[in-house]
Amino acid sequence: MSSWEFMALYHLVDIHIVIPNTKLYMNKINSKLVEKYKLTNIVTIDCGKNIAYYYNPMENDKKSVKVTHQELLELPGKFKNTLFVSESAHLDRPRTMKSFAQPFKVEELRRFKQLCEENGNLLRLFPEMLSFDVISDGGKEKSDENDPISLYQYLCKSINIIDVLKKPSEEYDASELRKEGWRVKSNMNTLLNYARRNDYGKDDDNDSIRRWLEDNVNDIVSGLDEQTKVVFGLDNVYKMHNVKKGIKKGDVNLNAANMTAIYSIAAGLFEFNITRDLTVEYVPRMREETNELPGWKFLEKYVYGFSPYHLNGGLARSNLKFHNFNTYLGKRCIDNGYSMIKKKLNGKPKYQFDNMERQFFRQVQNDHKKACKQLFLNLKRVMQNPVMQKPVSTNFF
C-alpha cells in the first residue's frame, strides 16, 4: 500500500469513527446551556447560494440533508429541545441593499428565532473565521454538504465551546455603542499608522505619547505584575547608571520594551487629531456617551475585539492578538518545554493540538488578555492622577 493510499484510508476511517452517538455526546457535556434548556440534540446548518444543508446526528446515516432556504426557515418547527448551530454569517447577518451575500432578510431571521423559542429549541452561532479549522479538523472535503458534518465533529471534540457560542442578535441594526467603536477603531488605526512612521516616538522628540510614557513609566510599571511586565517587555531594565541621560540602574528601558503593543493599548486613551497645516495633536479620548475616558469593557468588546467573532479587527488588534501574543507565546513555550516553529506552537495549526497543547495555548491566551487589561488600567490610572506628568500639547481635564 502506498503512503498516499494509506493516508486516504486513514482519513476515511477517521471520518467513520469520529461522529459520536448524540445521546452519549449530550450526556458528556457539562454545560450550563444544555442543562438550563434541557437540550437533547444538536443540529448543524450550512447555507449555500440557493440551497442549505443540515446535519441531524440522530438519523445516524452520517449524511446531511439538502433543503431549500424556505424549508430551512421552517426547520425549528420539526424539532424539540434541540440546539441549532450555524455560522454567524448565515443566520445572524441579514441581507441588505449593500450586501446580497447573506441568504435571509431580517424578518426571516426573526421568524427562525421565533420558531426556535416556540418549540423549546435554541440557536447559537459559530464564528465563520474558524471555518478553516473546522474543515481541517473533520478531514472532509469542504462543501456545503460536508460542512455541517464537519462542524458537528468539531463541536464534539471541543465540548467546552457549547457555552461560549454567540447568542443571536436581538436587533440587526448596529447599536450606537458599536458605531462609536467603529469610529474609535478608525481613529486608532490612523494613530498607530502615524506612530509607526517614527518607530513609536523613538525617532521623534515631539511625540507626546512617547514622552509621557517615559515621564511616567516607573509609576505605570509599579502597578503591573511580573507576567504583564514580561508580556510587554517592561521587565527590561538598565544595568548601569548614565548621568548624562538621567538614567539610573534598574530604570525600565523603554527602548527594549514592546512599544508596538504598548502603543496599541495607549491608543485607546488618546485621540489622534491632525490640523490643516499637518500639526499632530493627541488629546484625551472621551466617550461620546459619558464624556469620560473609555473603560476596558467598551474597548475590549467594540475596539480590540478579544473574541473570535471579529471582522475588520483593526491595527491594534493585529498588533496585540497576533504579533505581541506570538512573542509572549514563544517565551512561555521555552519555560514549558514547547517550541515555536514558524510562529506556531510546536509547528501545528490549532486544530491539530492535542489536549495538553490546547490547554496550554488557552491558558497563555487568557494570561495575555489579563495582561492587556492590567496595562490599560494602569495607564488610565496614571492618566487620571493629577499629580502625574501629562502628555504635552494637550488640555487635560
Protein backbone atom coordinates (compact mmCIF):
# COMPACT_ATOMS: atom_id res chain seq x y z
CA MET A 1 0.00 0.00 0.00
CA SER A 2 1.39 3.38 -0.99
CA SER A 3 1.71 6.21 1.52
CA TRP A 4 -0.95 8.15 -0.40
CA GLU A 5 -3.37 5.20 -0.24
CA PHE A 6 -2.63 4.80 3.47
CA MET A 7 -3.40 8.44 4.19
CA ALA A 8 -6.61 8.26 2.18
CA LEU A 9 -7.70 5.16 4.09
CA TYR A 10 -6.71 6.83 7.37
CA HIS A 11 -8.96 9.79 6.68
CA LEU A 12 -11.85 7.57 5.65
CA VAL A 13 -11.57 5.54 8.83
CA ASP A 14 -11.19 8.71 10.92
CA ILE A 15 -14.36 10.18 9.45
CA HIS A 16 -16.23 6.96 10.08
CA ILE A 17 -15.46 6.71 13.78
CA VAL A 18 -15.28 10.34 14.84
CA ILE A 19 -19.03 11.07 14.65
CA PRO A 20 -20.30 10.01 18.07
CA ASN A 21 -23.70 8.89 19.21
CA THR A 22 -25.50 12.13 20.02
CA LYS A 23 -27.16 10.83 23.20
CA LEU A 24 -23.79 9.79 24.61
CA TYR A 25 -22.28 13.09 23.50
CA MET A 26 -25.03 15.17 25.15
CA ASN A 27 -24.62 13.20 28.38
CA LYS A 28 -20.90 14.03 28.41
CA ILE A 29 -21.45 17.77 28.11
CA ASN A 30 -21.02 19.61 31.38
CA SER A 31 -22.78 22.65 30.00
CA LYS A 32 -24.95 25.27 31.69
CA LEU A 33 -26.68 25.79 28.37
CA VAL A 34 -27.59 22.12 27.88
CA GLU A 35 -28.75 21.79 31.49
CA LYS A 36 -30.78 25.01 31.53
CA TYR A 37 -32.67 24.34 28.30
CA LYS A 38 -32.83 20.52 28.64
CA LEU A 39 -31.24 20.09 25.22
CA THR A 40 -31.17 16.56 23.82
CA ASN A 41 -29.86 17.05 20.29
CA ILE A 42 -27.59 19.24 18.16
CA VAL A 43 -28.36 20.09 14.54
CA THR A 44 -25.74 21.90 12.47
CA ILE A 45 -26.51 24.04 9.44
CA ASP A 46 -24.70 25.42 6.41
CA CYS A 47 -26.12 27.62 3.68
CA GLY A 48 -25.18 27.80 0.02
CA LYS A 49 -26.24 30.27 -2.62
CA ASN A 50 -29.70 28.83 -3.28
CA ILE A 51 -29.84 25.77 -1.03
CA ALA A 52 -28.95 24.74 2.51
CA TYR A 53 -27.83 21.58 4.28
CA TYR A 54 -28.40 20.48 7.85
CA TYR A 55 -26.97 17.54 9.76
CA ASN A 56 -29.08 15.69 12.32
CA PRO A 57 -26.90 13.04 14.01
CA MET A 58 -29.98 11.33 15.47
CA GLU A 59 -30.74 9.99 12.00
CA ASN A 60 -27.45 8.06 12.15
CA ASP A 61 -26.96 7.95 8.37
CA LYS A 62 -23.91 10.23 8.52
CA LYS A 63 -25.26 12.35 5.69
CA SER A 64 -26.51 15.89 5.69
CA VAL A 65 -29.96 16.77 4.35
CA LYS A 66 -30.45 19.13 1.41
CA VAL A 67 -33.27 21.67 1.74
CA THR A 68 -34.36 24.93 0.18
CA HIS A 69 -33.84 28.16 2.10
CA GLN A 70 -37.58 28.29 2.77
CA GLU A 71 -37.58 24.73 4.14
CA LEU A 72 -34.63 25.62 6.37
CA LEU A 73 -36.56 28.51 7.89
CA GLU A 74 -39.29 26.05 8.95
CA LEU A 75 -36.80 23.54 10.40
CA PRO A 76 -37.15 24.56 14.09
CA GLY A 77 -40.82 23.56 13.92
CA LYS A 78 -39.78 19.92 13.32
CA PHE A 79 -37.54 19.58 16.39
CA LYS A 80 -37.84 19.84 20.17
CA ASN A 81 -35.15 20.68 22.74
CA THR A 82 -32.55 20.98 20.02
CA LEU A 83 -29.52 23.23 19.74
CA PHE A 84 -29.18 24.63 16.22
CA VAL A 85 -25.65 25.78 15.33
CA SER A 86 -24.74 27.73 12.21
CA GLU A 87 -22.10 30.16 11.12
CA SER A 88 -22.90 33.67 12.28
CA ALA A 89 -22.89 34.94 8.68
CA HIS A 90 -25.77 32.64 7.71
CA LEU A 91 -28.32 33.03 10.50
CA ASP A 92 -27.38 36.25 12.25
CA ARG A 93 -26.49 38.68 9.48
CA PRO A 94 -29.39 39.90 7.34
CA ARG A 95 -29.34 40.60 3.64
CA THR A 96 -29.32 44.32 2.81
CA MET A 97 -29.24 46.55 -0.24
CA LYS A 98 -25.48 46.77 0.18
CA SER A 99 -24.88 43.04 0.64
CA PHE A 100 -26.73 40.19 -1.05
CA ALA A 101 -24.29 37.51 0.16
CA GLN A 102 -26.46 36.67 3.20
CA PRO A 103 -29.34 34.27 2.43
CA PHE A 104 -32.06 35.73 4.68
CA LYS A 105 -33.75 39.04 5.33
CA VAL A 106 -34.39 40.47 8.79
CA GLU A 107 -37.97 39.22 9.07
CA GLU A 108 -36.89 35.70 8.04
CA LEU A 109 -34.18 35.59 10.70
CA ARG A 110 -36.69 36.73 13.30
CA ARG A 111 -39.12 34.03 12.17
CA PHE A 112 -36.43 31.35 12.61
CA LYS A 113 -35.70 32.55 16.16
CA GLN A 114 -39.41 32.68 16.96
CA LEU A 115 -39.92 29.07 15.83
CA CYS A 116 -36.95 28.02 17.96
CA GLU A 117 -38.48 29.66 21.01
CA GLU A 118 -41.93 28.19 20.40
CA ASN A 119 -40.53 24.64 20.23
CA GLY A 120 -38.03 24.74 23.07
CA ASN A 121 -35.08 24.98 20.69
CA LEU A 122 -32.05 27.23 20.83
CA LEU A 123 -29.96 28.95 18.17
CA ARG A 124 -26.27 29.61 18.66
CA LEU A 125 -23.72 30.99 16.20
CA PHE A 126 -20.26 29.76 15.28
CA PRO A 127 -17.57 32.24 14.13
CA GLU A 128 -17.00 31.89 10.40
CA MET A 129 -13.36 32.92 10.93
CA LEU A 130 -12.79 29.44 12.39
CA SER A 131 -14.34 27.60 9.45
CA PHE A 132 -10.93 26.53 8.10
CA ASP A 133 -10.09 24.90 11.46
CA VAL A 134 -13.45 23.12 11.41
CA ILE A 135 -12.98 21.69 7.94
CA SER A 136 -9.36 20.73 8.53
CA ASP A 137 -10.18 19.05 11.83
CA GLY A 138 -13.01 17.00 10.34
CA GLY A 139 -10.98 15.66 7.45
CA LYS A 140 -13.80 16.00 4.94
CA GLU A 141 -13.50 17.96 1.72
CA LYS A 142 -15.04 21.40 2.04
CA SER A 143 -18.52 21.59 0.52
CA ASP A 144 -21.97 22.81 1.54
CA GLU A 145 -22.94 19.17 2.01
CA ASN A 146 -19.97 18.20 4.19
CA ASP A 147 -19.58 21.38 6.23
CA PRO A 148 -22.47 20.70 8.68
CA ILE A 149 -20.95 17.30 9.48
CA SER A 150 -17.50 18.84 9.98
CA LEU A 151 -18.98 21.45 12.28
CA TYR A 152 -20.70 18.76 14.35
CA GLN A 153 -17.44 16.81 14.61
CA TYR A 154 -15.66 19.95 15.77
CA LEU A 155 -18.26 20.58 18.48
CA CYS A 156 -17.89 17.01 19.66
CA LYS A 157 -14.14 17.39 20.04
CA SER A 158 -14.43 20.79 21.72
CA ILE A 159 -17.18 20.18 24.25
CA ASN A 160 -16.46 23.35 26.24
CA ILE A 161 -17.24 25.52 23.23
CA ILE A 162 -21.00 24.99 23.62
CA ASP A 163 -21.36 27.57 26.40
CA VAL A 164 -19.40 30.28 24.57
CA LEU A 165 -21.14 30.14 21.21
CA LYS A 166 -22.61 33.51 20.29
CA LYS A 167 -26.24 34.30 21.02
CA PRO A 168 -28.24 35.59 18.05
CA SER A 169 -28.59 39.35 17.85
CA GLU A 170 -31.66 40.94 19.38
CA GLU A 171 -31.54 43.72 16.81
CA TYR A 172 -29.82 43.66 13.44
CA ASP A 173 -29.08 47.36 13.08
CA ALA A 174 -25.72 48.37 14.55
CA SER A 175 -26.12 49.87 18.02
CA GLU A 176 -24.80 53.32 18.85
CA LEU A 177 -22.14 51.65 21.00
CA ARG A 178 -20.92 49.60 18.07
CA LYS A 179 -20.92 52.62 15.77
CA GLU A 180 -18.85 54.52 18.33
CA GLY A 181 -16.50 51.55 18.49
CA TRP A 182 -16.04 51.72 14.71
CA ARG A 183 -15.16 55.42 14.94
CA VAL A 184 -12.67 54.81 17.76
CA LYS A 185 -11.09 51.92 15.85
CA SER A 186 -10.70 54.06 12.73
CA ASN A 187 -9.02 56.84 14.70
CA MET A 188 -6.72 54.34 16.42
CA ASN A 189 -5.73 52.89 13.05
CA THR A 190 -4.66 56.36 11.94
CA LEU A 191 -2.81 57.00 15.22
CA LEU A 192 -0.89 53.73 15.07
CA ASN A 193 -0.04 54.07 11.39
CA TYR A 194 1.35 57.54 12.06
CA ALA A 195 3.29 56.39 15.15
CA ARG A 196 4.81 53.51 13.20
CA ARG A 197 6.48 56.01 10.85
CA ASN A 198 8.74 57.29 13.65
CA ASP A 199 9.22 53.95 15.43
CA TYR A 200 6.60 54.81 18.04
CA GLY A 201 8.23 58.05 19.11
CA LYS A 202 11.80 56.80 19.27
CA ASP A 203 12.78 58.91 16.24
CA ASP A 204 10.56 61.88 17.10
CA ASP A 205 11.28 64.06 20.13
CA ASN A 206 7.89 65.72 19.69
CA ASP A 207 5.89 62.52 20.09
CA SER A 208 3.88 63.40 23.18
CA ILE A 209 2.67 59.87 23.93
CA ARG A 210 6.23 58.53 23.97
CA ARG A 211 7.40 61.42 26.17
CA TRP A 212 4.50 60.83 28.57
CA LEU A 213 5.33 57.14 28.81
CA GLU A 214 8.97 57.98 29.54
CA ASP A 215 7.99 60.51 32.22
CA ASN A 216 5.58 58.14 33.96
CA VAL A 217 7.00 54.69 33.22
CA ASN A 218 8.08 53.93 36.80
CA ASP A 219 4.64 54.69 38.19
CA ILE A 220 2.95 52.74 35.40
CA VAL A 221 5.16 49.68 35.91
CA SER A 222 4.73 49.79 39.70
CA GLY A 223 1.15 48.64 39.25
CA LEU A 224 1.97 45.68 36.99
CA ASP A 225 2.59 42.08 37.99
CA GLU A 226 5.59 40.22 36.65
CA GLN A 227 3.59 38.43 33.98
CA THR A 228 2.35 41.70 32.47
CA LYS A 229 5.87 43.13 32.50
CA VAL A 230 7.06 40.12 30.52
CA VAL A 231 4.20 40.37 28.00
CA PHE A 232 5.15 43.96 27.10
CA GLY A 233 8.90 43.73 27.61
CA LEU A 234 8.72 46.06 30.61
CA ASP A 235 10.91 43.68 32.60
CA ASN A 236 13.93 45.04 30.69
CA VAL A 237 15.89 47.45 32.90
CA TYR A 238 19.11 49.41 32.59
CA LYS A 239 22.04 47.63 34.20
CA MET A 240 24.22 50.73 34.61
CA HIS A 241 23.86 54.41 35.51
CA ASN A 242 24.08 57.05 32.79
CA VAL A 243 24.28 60.50 34.36
CA LYS A 244 24.20 62.39 31.04
CA LYS A 245 20.94 60.73 30.03
CA GLY A 246 19.49 60.79 33.53
CA ILE A 247 19.31 57.01 33.67
CA LYS A 248 19.62 55.09 36.93
CA LYS A 249 20.49 51.45 37.30
CA GLY A 250 17.22 49.48 37.46
CA ASP A 251 15.15 52.01 35.48
CA VAL A 252 12.82 50.50 32.91
CA ASN A 253 14.35 50.53 29.43
CA LEU A 254 11.54 51.54 27.10
CA ASN A 255 13.83 51.11 24.10
CA ALA A 256 13.85 47.38 24.85
CA ALA A 257 10.10 47.19 25.53
CA ASN A 258 7.48 46.13 23.00
CA MET A 259 6.39 49.65 22.08
CA THR A 260 4.16 48.45 19.26
CA ALA A 261 1.97 46.61 21.77
CA ILE A 262 2.21 49.33 24.45
CA TYR A 263 1.14 51.97 21.94
CA SER A 264 -1.76 49.76 20.86
CA ILE A 265 -3.03 49.82 24.45
CA ALA A 266 -2.28 53.53 25.00
CA ALA A 267 -4.08 54.42 21.76
CA GLY A 268 -7.34 53.54 23.48
CA LEU A 269 -6.84 56.58 25.72
CA PHE A 270 -5.60 59.12 23.17
CA GLU A 271 -7.41 60.60 20.21
CA PHE A 272 -5.37 61.45 17.14
CA ASN A 273 -6.00 64.83 15.50
CA ILE A 274 -4.20 66.45 12.60
CA THR A 275 -4.77 70.07 11.58
CA ARG A 276 -4.82 71.65 8.12
CA ASP A 277 -1.16 72.62 8.47
CA LEU A 278 -0.38 68.96 9.33
CA THR A 279 0.21 69.64 13.02
CA VAL A 280 -0.39 66.44 15.00
CA GLU A 281 -2.19 66.60 18.34
CA TYR A 282 -3.06 63.94 20.87
CA VAL A 283 -5.97 64.69 23.19
CA PRO A 284 -7.68 62.52 25.80
CA ARG A 285 -10.14 60.13 24.14
CA MET A 286 -13.53 60.85 25.68
CA ARG A 287 -16.51 58.53 25.28
CA GLU A 288 -19.36 60.13 23.37
CA GLU A 289 -21.95 58.84 25.84
CA THR A 290 -20.18 59.61 29.14
CA ASN A 291 -17.63 62.29 28.21
CA GLU A 292 -15.10 60.29 30.23
CA LEU A 293 -12.10 58.18 29.33
CA PRO A 294 -13.17 54.81 27.91
CA GLY A 295 -13.24 51.76 30.11
CA TRP A 296 -11.74 48.38 29.35
CA LYS A 297 -15.13 46.73 28.88
CA PHE A 298 -16.02 49.08 26.00
CA LEU A 299 -12.63 48.83 24.28
CA GLU A 300 -12.35 45.07 24.72
CA LYS A 301 -15.71 44.39 23.04
CA TYR A 302 -16.05 47.12 20.45
CA VAL A 303 -12.46 48.07 19.55
CA TYR A 304 -9.85 45.43 20.38
CA GLY A 305 -12.15 42.55 19.52
CA PHE A 306 -10.96 39.97 22.07
CA SER A 307 -13.41 37.49 20.57
CA PRO A 308 -13.45 35.04 17.67
CA TYR A 309 -16.48 36.97 16.34
CA HIS A 310 -14.49 39.81 14.83
CA LEU A 311 -14.42 41.34 11.39
CA ASN A 312 -12.08 44.15 10.33
CA GLY A 313 -10.31 43.88 13.67
CA GLY A 314 -8.08 46.88 13.11
CA LEU A 315 -4.39 47.54 13.61
CA ALA A 316 -4.44 47.48 17.42
CA ARG A 317 -6.00 44.01 17.43
CA SER A 318 -3.43 42.76 14.93
CA ASN A 319 -0.57 44.18 16.98
CA LEU A 320 -1.83 42.62 20.20
CA LYS A 321 -3.56 39.38 19.23
CA PHE A 322 -1.08 38.28 16.59
CA HIS A 323 2.35 39.89 16.92
CA ASN A 324 2.51 40.53 20.67
CA PHE A 325 0.73 37.31 21.57
CA ASN A 326 3.06 35.18 19.45
CA THR A 327 6.09 36.81 21.05
CA TYR A 328 4.71 36.06 24.50
CA LEU A 329 3.69 32.53 23.48
CA GLY A 330 7.29 31.92 22.39
CA LYS A 331 8.56 32.96 25.84
CA ARG A 332 6.08 30.67 27.59
CA CYS A 333 6.99 27.80 25.26
CA ILE A 334 10.61 28.00 26.38
CA ASP A 335 9.56 27.79 30.04
CA ASN A 336 7.19 24.87 29.48
CA GLY A 337 9.10 22.55 27.17
CA TYR A 338 7.31 23.51 23.97
CA SER A 339 8.73 25.12 20.86
CA MET A 340 7.68 27.77 18.36
CA ILE A 341 8.10 26.68 14.74
CA LYS A 342 7.09 29.15 12.03
CA LYS A 343 5.17 31.18 14.65
CA LYS A 344 3.09 28.16 15.66
CA LEU A 345 3.06 26.13 18.85
CA ASN A 346 5.12 23.01 18.08
CA GLY A 347 4.67 23.95 14.41
CA LYS A 348 0.99 22.93 14.46
CA PRO A 349 -2.17 24.75 13.42
CA LYS A 350 -4.61 24.97 16.32
CA TYR A 351 -6.95 22.28 15.03
CA GLN A 352 -4.09 19.74 15.34
CA PHE A 353 -3.34 20.45 19.02
CA ASP A 354 -3.59 17.55 21.43
CA ASN A 355 -5.37 18.14 24.76
CA MET A 356 -2.23 19.29 26.58
CA GLU A 357 -1.26 21.71 23.83
CA ARG A 358 -4.80 23.04 23.64
CA GLN A 359 -4.96 23.66 27.39
CA PHE A 360 -1.56 25.34 27.37
CA PHE A 361 -2.48 27.57 24.43
CA ARG A 362 -5.74 28.67 26.03
CA GLN A 363 -4.01 29.41 29.32
CA VAL A 364 -1.48 31.63 27.54
CA GLN A 365 -4.34 33.35 25.71
CA ASN A 366 -6.10 34.09 29.00
CA ASP A 367 -2.88 35.34 30.62
CA HIS A 368 -2.17 37.61 27.65
CA LYS A 369 -5.66 39.10 27.75
CA LYS A 370 -5.34 39.76 31.50
CA ALA A 371 -2.01 41.48 30.88
CA CYS A 372 -3.55 43.75 28.24
CA LYS A 373 -6.31 44.72 30.66
CA GLN A 374 -3.87 45.34 33.51
CA LEU A 375 -1.62 47.60 31.42
CA PHE A 376 -4.63 49.57 30.17
CA LEU A 377 -5.99 50.08 33.70
CA ASN A 378 -2.61 51.29 34.93
CA LEU A 379 -2.16 53.69 32.01
CA LYS A 380 -5.64 55.05 32.75
CA ARG A 381 -4.87 55.30 36.48
CA VAL A 382 -1.76 57.38 35.85
CA MET A 383 -3.56 59.50 33.28
CA GLN A 384 -6.30 60.36 35.78
CA ASN A 385 -3.88 61.18 38.60
CA PRO A 386 -3.49 64.99 38.68
CA VAL A 387 -0.06 64.67 40.31
CA MET A 388 1.37 62.69 37.41
CA GLN A 389 3.00 64.18 34.33
CA LYS A 390 0.59 64.72 31.43
CA PRO A 391 1.26 64.48 27.71
CA VAL A 392 2.45 67.77 26.27
CA SER A 393 0.32 69.92 23.99
CA THR A 394 -2.96 68.59 25.37
CA ASN A 395 -5.65 70.03 27.56
CA PHE A 396 -6.28 67.62 30.38
CA PHE A 397 -9.41 67.64 32.48
